[in-house]
């Protein structure tokens, strides 16, 4: 009887420890983004749905998921919202988070929004820059960028720079989800949030585009691990070698979704368990001098002014 109780206690402890960790899975959806997180309190989060429904549907079904507590549409580009149609069709969503920019060149972004509005029990939220999302009392989830003023545009850069950026902070480590923001917004964030950007894990901006991952930004983030969500033989040439080089020179180990899902684990406090990447220990890379980043190669776009002004206003509050 004592042995049985001891075995039961071990099982309960193991299950409790597993629940107390924060996990992030970067789903291989091809050229797009979809990230699934499980919080220490057991709630789950889906950030974007990729360019089609099948990869995210298969991933969620394999995990036995039927309900998603928090679904985030970072911005209305098809490689981020198309898969969410399937999510709303086959899964119960409790909360939907959205930026207020409308893509005038897209048809499906408002379809996703309508599906969220029509789903019984689902609430739509438009978080503000600088706010915290109360998803788990032990995890700080901070909104570092979004566009809360309603606007319509077909300009890709404007839509990218309205992306919802989230930083998850747990047990002394951060996971920074940057969606598709580009260098001007990255650099604006360094002035506003400063050391508040520091994160062990970085979801690399804009699929590893050369217009993102600016050195000043990486210097603030100090990532040990960088994950690029990208599709093989894509039309954009992502990830660009310039971005990969800057990430490596900033001291990050670089992983991509080209050959499958990528997974990260932040363990519960005082468990004595190391950070895990794809089931293996996360190593500490050696920092090396950064490559010079010339802003003239990435000129300021006046379209970024609204998002940058919003960041400034948030910092003043």
Foldseek 3Di string as FASTA:
>chain_A
DVVVVVVVVVVVVVVLQVLQKKKKKFFQQAAAGWIWIQHSPGAIEIEFFALAAVRVVVVCVVVVAAEHAEYEQQFPDNRGHHNLVVVLVGHHYQEYEYFQEAAPVDDCPVVSVVSQVPRPNYYYDHDAAQDFDPPDPQKTKHWHFAHNDHYYDNDPQLRLRRTTWIWIDHPHFIETEREAHFDVSLVLSCVQCPLVQAHQEYAFHRQQDPRHQALSSLLSHLYQEYEGEHHPPDPPPPNDPNSVQQCVLSNYDYYYCHPGMKMWMDTRPPPPDATDIPRHHRDGGDHHDGDDDDCVVVDDDVSSVSRSVSSVVSSVD
